[in-house]
Amino acid sequence: ILKIKACFPDSIIGLIPDTDKATVLFIKHQFDKFKIDIQRLSQGVAQDNLNKEKLSKIAFNYPTIQEQEKIATFLTAIDAKIEQLNQKKALLEQYKKGAMQQLFSQEIRFKEKDGKDYPIWEEKKLGDVLDYKQPTKYLVSSTEYSDKFDIPVLTAGKTFLLGYTNETENVFTENLPVIIFDDFTTATQFVDFPFKAKSSAMKILVPRKGENVKFIYEAMQLIKFEVGGHGRHWISQHSTFPISLPCPQEQTKIANFLSAIDAKIELVNTQIERTQQFRKGLLQQMFV
């Protein structure tokens, strides 16, 4: 089906379809389906490598040109939908970032129901508004995770959800929501559901009475701190960082406002994941 040319020196292989048998978009979507098989073909002893001979071994089933065009058009429309959702998510994240800068710089202030200003903000240290718990009691014993289990195992890093465990003893359930803090990297996550922990290099940060943990979490995202070395950072440094705090009522209004944006972002993210799964399912059914 394909006439193959290689562009050198970048080792880029150009795939040109025989237009009497296949369309470019249809072949492109075929490659999306067979990515894993193509990656296996590229595995070499020293360096991944694809060439004309290896690519020529890939067998494709293909319908008439007319059906190819209909399939390609349909899948391209789904790709466009995914791109639109990704753009919407990026815009919401950008909006939240701008709102946070204005709210935490006090450029924008909430007011009481009668229109009066809330009291001026006070400066405190993070350690004055957050207590910490060691995760030792809540550590998971086995890393044999499964989606069939119910208890999430968390890390404070970008991965966040490592998997699910069936260990039901010593699950962290009290004082929710909380902030989990990686003592080495200073990464943070906001958690409002029961969980088990994976790493002992984590602090579970709990708000002191009257403080809004969501507000504090969002304020912590604006702290600029360059991590150096592998020391523990909460007690030695982070707990001493200053934070400006409004009264509890204004804290709650700010936290609720940002949570509403988070909910919109999560909704769009769910739509993206579902659309991607829908596309994946179509590829499985169309290109068998």
Protein backbone atom coordinates (compact mmCIF):
# COMPACT_ATOMS: atom_id res chain seq x y z
CA ILE A 1 0.00 0.00 0.00
CA LEU A 2 2.80 2.39 0.97
CA LYS A 3 5.67 3.82 -0.98
CA ILE A 4 8.43 4.53 1.51
CA LYS A 5 11.09 7.22 1.30
CA ALA A 6 13.70 8.05 3.91
CA CYS A 7 14.85 11.57 4.75
CA PHE A 8 18.43 11.82 5.89
CA PRO A 9 20.38 12.72 7.99
CA ASP A 10 17.49 12.96 10.49
CA SER A 11 16.41 9.38 9.75
CA ILE A 12 12.82 10.47 9.17
CA ILE A 13 10.86 7.93 7.18
CA GLY A 14 8.23 9.46 4.91
CA LEU A 15 5.21 7.23 4.29
CA ILE A 16 3.37 8.04 1.07
CA PRO A 17 0.17 6.08 0.50
CA ASP A 18 -0.79 4.59 -2.82
CA THR A 19 -3.79 6.86 -3.45
CA ASP A 20 -5.53 4.12 -5.42
CA LYS A 21 -5.71 2.00 -2.26
CA ALA A 22 -5.38 4.21 0.82
CA THR A 23 -5.75 7.75 2.15
CA VAL A 24 -3.24 9.57 4.35
CA LEU A 25 -5.68 10.13 7.24
CA PHE A 26 -6.84 6.52 7.25
CA ILE A 27 -3.25 5.25 7.43
CA LYS A 28 -2.51 7.79 10.16
CA HIS A 29 -5.34 6.39 12.28
CA GLN A 30 -4.18 2.85 11.49
CA PHE A 31 -0.79 3.76 12.93
CA ASP A 32 -2.50 5.09 16.07
CA LYS A 33 -4.03 1.65 16.56
CA PHE A 34 -0.80 -0.27 15.91
CA LYS A 35 1.60 2.00 17.86
CA ILE A 36 2.62 -0.79 20.25
CA ASP A 37 3.38 -3.19 17.39
CA ILE A 38 5.40 -0.49 15.64
CA GLN A 39 7.35 0.25 18.82
CA ARG A 40 8.18 -3.44 19.15
CA LEU A 41 9.55 -3.44 15.62
CA SER A 42 11.82 -0.52 16.50
CA GLN A 43 13.54 -2.32 19.37
CA GLY A 44 17.15 -2.95 18.53
CA VAL A 45 20.16 -4.21 20.43
CA ALA A 46 21.84 -0.85 20.97
CA GLN A 47 19.40 1.75 19.72
CA ASP A 48 15.76 1.85 18.63
CA ASN A 49 15.65 1.75 14.86
CA LEU A 50 12.95 1.54 12.22
CA ASN A 51 13.60 0.96 8.55
CA LYS A 52 11.78 0.20 5.31
CA GLU A 53 12.09 -3.56 5.72
CA LYS A 54 10.59 -3.57 9.21
CA LEU A 55 7.74 -1.23 8.31
CA SER A 56 6.92 -3.29 5.23
CA LYS A 57 6.15 -6.27 7.48
CA ILE A 58 3.20 -4.48 9.12
CA ALA A 59 -0.05 -5.90 7.76
CA PHE A 60 -3.11 -3.63 7.52
CA ASN A 61 -6.67 -4.43 6.62
CA TYR A 62 -8.23 -1.66 4.60
CA PRO A 63 -11.68 -1.01 3.13
CA THR A 64 -12.60 0.90 -0.01
CA ILE A 65 -11.39 4.49 -0.43
CA GLN A 66 -14.90 5.76 0.22
CA GLU A 67 -15.17 3.94 3.55
CA GLN A 68 -11.65 4.99 4.48
CA GLU A 69 -12.62 8.61 3.97
CA LYS A 70 -15.70 8.24 6.16
CA ILE A 71 -13.72 6.53 8.93
CA ALA A 72 -10.93 9.10 8.76
CA THR A 73 -13.38 12.01 8.81
CA PHE A 74 -15.18 10.58 11.84
CA LEU A 75 -11.97 9.96 13.80
CA THR A 76 -10.59 13.37 12.84
CA ALA A 77 -13.76 14.96 14.25
CA ILE A 78 -13.15 13.14 17.53
CA ASP A 79 -9.53 14.37 17.53
CA ALA A 80 -10.81 17.92 17.02
CA LYS A 81 -13.17 17.49 19.97
CA ILE A 82 -10.31 16.30 22.18
CA GLU A 83 -8.21 19.29 21.10
CA GLN A 84 -11.08 21.68 21.91
CA LEU A 85 -11.44 20.14 25.35
CA ASN A 86 -7.68 20.41 25.96
CA GLN A 87 -7.81 24.08 25.00
CA LYS A 88 -10.79 24.64 27.30
CA LYS A 89 -8.91 23.00 30.17
CA ALA A 90 -5.83 25.14 29.51
CA LEU A 91 -7.94 28.32 29.50
CA LEU A 92 -9.59 27.38 32.80
CA GLU A 93 -6.19 26.67 34.35
CA GLN A 94 -4.92 30.02 33.07
CA TYR A 95 -8.01 31.76 34.46
CA LYS A 96 -7.48 30.16 37.87
CA LYS A 97 -3.82 31.20 37.87
CA GLY A 98 -4.77 34.82 37.14
CA ALA A 99 -7.54 34.78 39.74
CA MET A 100 -5.15 33.45 42.38
CA GLN A 101 -2.62 36.20 41.68
CA GLN A 102 -5.29 38.87 42.11
CA LEU A 103 -6.88 37.28 45.17
CA PHE A 104 -3.69 36.54 47.10
CA SER A 105 -2.18 39.93 46.26
CA GLN A 106 -5.46 41.41 47.61
CA GLU A 107 -6.01 43.26 44.35
CA ILE A 108 -9.48 41.72 44.50
CA ARG A 109 -11.24 41.36 47.86
CA PHE A 110 -14.47 39.69 48.89
CA LYS A 111 -16.85 41.67 51.10
CA GLU A 112 -19.33 40.85 53.82
CA LYS A 113 -23.01 40.40 52.95
CA ASP A 114 -23.74 44.01 53.93
CA GLY A 115 -20.97 45.26 51.63
CA LYS A 116 -18.49 46.04 54.41
CA ASP A 117 -14.82 45.17 54.05
CA TYR A 118 -13.42 42.21 55.89
CA PRO A 119 -10.56 42.91 58.35
CA ILE A 120 -7.05 43.39 57.01
CA TRP A 121 -5.00 40.27 56.42
CA GLU A 122 -2.55 39.05 59.05
CA GLU A 123 0.87 37.58 58.41
CA LYS A 124 1.66 34.27 60.08
CA LYS A 125 4.07 31.41 59.58
CA LEU A 126 2.88 28.20 57.93
CA GLY A 127 3.81 26.33 61.09
CA ASP A 128 1.41 28.57 63.02
CA VAL A 129 -1.60 27.56 60.92
CA LEU A 130 -0.73 23.93 60.09
CA ASP A 131 0.09 21.00 62.33
CA TYR A 132 1.79 17.96 60.85
CA LYS A 133 1.42 14.24 61.29
CA GLN A 134 4.02 11.62 60.41
CA PRO A 135 2.74 9.06 57.88
CA THR A 136 4.32 6.03 59.58
CA LYS A 137 1.03 4.69 60.95
CA TYR A 138 -0.65 5.00 57.54
CA LEU A 139 2.01 3.43 55.32
CA VAL A 140 0.95 0.66 52.97
CA SER A 141 2.62 -2.72 53.53
CA SER A 142 2.28 -4.18 50.05
CA THR A 143 2.67 -2.59 46.64
CA GLU A 144 0.48 -5.21 45.00
CA TYR A 145 -2.04 -2.62 43.84
CA SER A 146 -5.21 -3.37 41.92
CA ASP A 147 -8.15 -1.40 40.56
CA LYS A 148 -10.32 -4.04 42.19
CA PHE A 149 -9.36 -2.67 45.63
CA ASP A 150 -10.91 0.38 47.29
CA ILE A 151 -8.29 2.25 49.31
CA PRO A 152 -6.16 4.76 47.32
CA VAL A 153 -2.40 4.88 47.95
CA LEU A 154 -1.01 8.38 47.54
CA THR A 155 2.23 10.25 47.06
CA ALA A 156 2.68 14.02 47.23
CA GLY A 157 4.43 14.10 43.84
CA LYS A 158 2.92 14.50 40.37
CA THR A 159 1.95 10.83 40.21
CA PHE A 160 -0.33 11.41 43.24
CA LEU A 161 -2.40 8.20 42.95
CA LEU A 162 -0.11 5.19 42.92
CA GLY A 163 -2.86 2.59 42.93
CA TYR A 164 -5.40 0.93 45.20
CA THR A 165 -4.82 -1.42 48.13
CA ASN A 166 -7.01 -3.85 50.07
CA GLU A 167 -5.34 -2.89 53.35
CA THR A 168 -8.15 -1.46 55.46
CA GLU A 169 -6.30 -0.96 58.76
CA ASN A 170 -4.79 2.41 59.66
CA VAL A 171 -6.34 4.30 56.77
CA PHE A 172 -6.06 8.08 57.22
CA THR A 173 -9.60 9.35 57.70
CA GLU A 174 -9.43 12.00 60.40
CA ASN A 175 -9.20 15.78 59.94
CA LEU A 176 -10.00 15.61 56.23
CA PRO A 177 -9.33 17.50 54.04
CA VAL A 178 -5.56 17.73 54.51
CA ILE A 179 -2.42 18.61 52.58
CA ILE A 180 0.21 15.96 51.91
CA PHE A 181 3.73 17.38 51.66
CA ASP A 182 6.79 15.68 50.21
CA ASP A 183 9.55 16.48 52.69
CA PHE A 184 12.28 16.16 50.05
CA THR A 185 10.78 17.85 46.99
CA THR A 186 8.23 20.13 48.79
CA ALA A 187 5.55 18.93 46.33
CA THR A 188 2.02 19.18 47.72
CA GLN A 189 -1.40 17.65 47.08
CA PHE A 190 -4.82 18.55 48.45
CA VAL A 191 -6.65 15.43 49.71
CA ASP A 192 -10.28 15.26 50.79
CA PHE A 193 -10.77 11.47 50.88
CA PRO A 194 -9.44 8.56 53.02
CA PHE A 195 -6.07 7.18 51.92
CA LYS A 196 -2.96 5.17 52.67
CA ALA A 197 0.55 6.57 52.12
CA LYS A 198 3.53 5.08 50.31
CA SER A 199 6.49 7.13 51.47
CA SER A 200 7.74 7.93 54.95
CA ALA A 201 9.20 11.13 53.44
CA MET A 202 5.80 12.77 53.66
CA LYS A 203 4.13 15.10 56.12
CA ILE A 204 0.35 15.14 56.52
CA LEU A 205 -0.51 18.80 57.13
CA VAL A 206 -3.65 19.48 59.16
CA PRO A 207 -5.16 22.96 59.62
CA ARG A 208 -5.38 24.44 63.06
CA LYS A 209 -8.79 25.44 64.38
CA GLY A 210 -10.43 28.22 62.39
CA GLU A 211 -8.10 27.97 59.38
CA ASN A 212 -9.29 26.87 55.93
CA VAL A 213 -6.98 24.17 54.59
CA LYS A 214 -8.01 24.74 50.95
CA PHE A 215 -7.09 28.43 51.22
CA ILE A 216 -3.73 27.55 52.78
CA TYR A 217 -3.05 24.92 50.12
CA GLU A 218 -3.68 27.39 47.29
CA ALA A 219 -1.54 30.02 49.01
CA MET A 220 1.30 27.48 49.26
CA GLN A 221 1.23 27.03 45.47
CA LEU A 222 2.46 30.63 45.14
CA ILE A 223 5.51 30.07 47.36
CA LYS A 224 8.67 30.23 45.28
CA PHE A 225 11.26 27.89 46.74
CA GLU A 226 14.21 26.27 45.01
CA VAL A 227 14.87 22.84 46.46
CA GLY A 228 18.51 22.15 47.24
CA GLY A 229 20.00 18.93 48.57
CA HIS A 230 18.03 16.03 50.01
CA GLY A 231 17.21 17.41 53.46
CA ARG A 232 13.81 17.36 55.13
CA HIS A 233 12.20 20.71 54.39
CA TRP A 234 9.02 21.08 56.42
CA ILE A 235 10.45 21.57 59.90
CA SER A 236 13.72 23.17 58.83
CA GLN A 237 12.35 25.67 56.31
CA HIS A 238 8.81 25.47 54.99
CA SER A 239 7.07 25.75 58.36
CA THR A 240 8.81 29.11 58.89
CA PHE A 241 7.62 30.65 55.61
CA PRO A 242 5.26 33.63 56.05
CA ILE A 243 1.70 33.49 54.77
CA SER A 244 -0.87 36.29 54.63
CA LEU A 245 -4.25 35.25 56.01
CA PRO A 246 -7.64 36.94 55.87
CA CYS A 247 -10.29 36.25 58.48
CA PRO A 248 -11.86 32.76 58.39
CA GLN A 249 -14.97 34.02 56.55
CA GLU A 250 -12.94 35.52 53.70
CA GLN A 251 -10.69 32.46 53.63
CA THR A 252 -13.78 30.32 53.05
CA LYS A 253 -15.10 32.55 50.25
CA ILE A 254 -11.77 32.47 48.44
CA ALA A 255 -11.44 28.71 48.92
CA ASN A 256 -14.97 28.08 47.63
CA PHE A 257 -14.38 30.31 44.60
CA LEU A 258 -11.20 28.43 43.65
CA SER A 259 -12.83 25.07 44.36
CA ALA A 260 -15.59 25.95 41.89
CA ILE A 261 -12.96 26.53 39.20
CA ASP A 262 -11.27 23.24 40.14
CA ALA A 263 -14.61 21.47 39.69
CA LYS A 264 -14.94 22.89 36.17
CA ILE A 265 -11.38 21.83 35.33
CA GLU A 266 -12.03 18.33 36.66
CA LEU A 267 -15.25 18.10 34.65
CA VAL A 268 -13.42 18.98 31.44
CA ASN A 269 -10.61 16.57 32.33
CA THR A 270 -13.18 13.79 32.76
CA GLN A 271 -14.66 14.67 29.37
CA ILE A 272 -11.18 14.45 27.83
CA GLU A 273 -10.52 11.04 29.36
CA ARG A 274 -13.91 9.68 28.30
CA THR A 275 -13.49 10.97 24.75
CA GLN A 276 -10.01 9.46 24.55
CA GLN A 277 -11.37 6.12 25.77
CA PHE A 278 -14.21 6.36 23.25
CA ARG A 279 -11.67 6.97 20.47
CA LYS A 280 -9.53 4.09 21.68
CA GLY A 281 -12.54 1.80 21.68
CA LEU A 282 -13.44 2.82 18.14
CA LEU A 283 -9.92 2.09 16.95
CA GLN A 284 -10.11 -1.35 18.52
CA GLN A 285 -13.41 -2.08 16.79
CA MET A 286 -12.63 -0.52 13.41
CA PHE A 287 -9.09 -1.77 12.96
CA VAL A 288 -9.18 -5.40 14.06
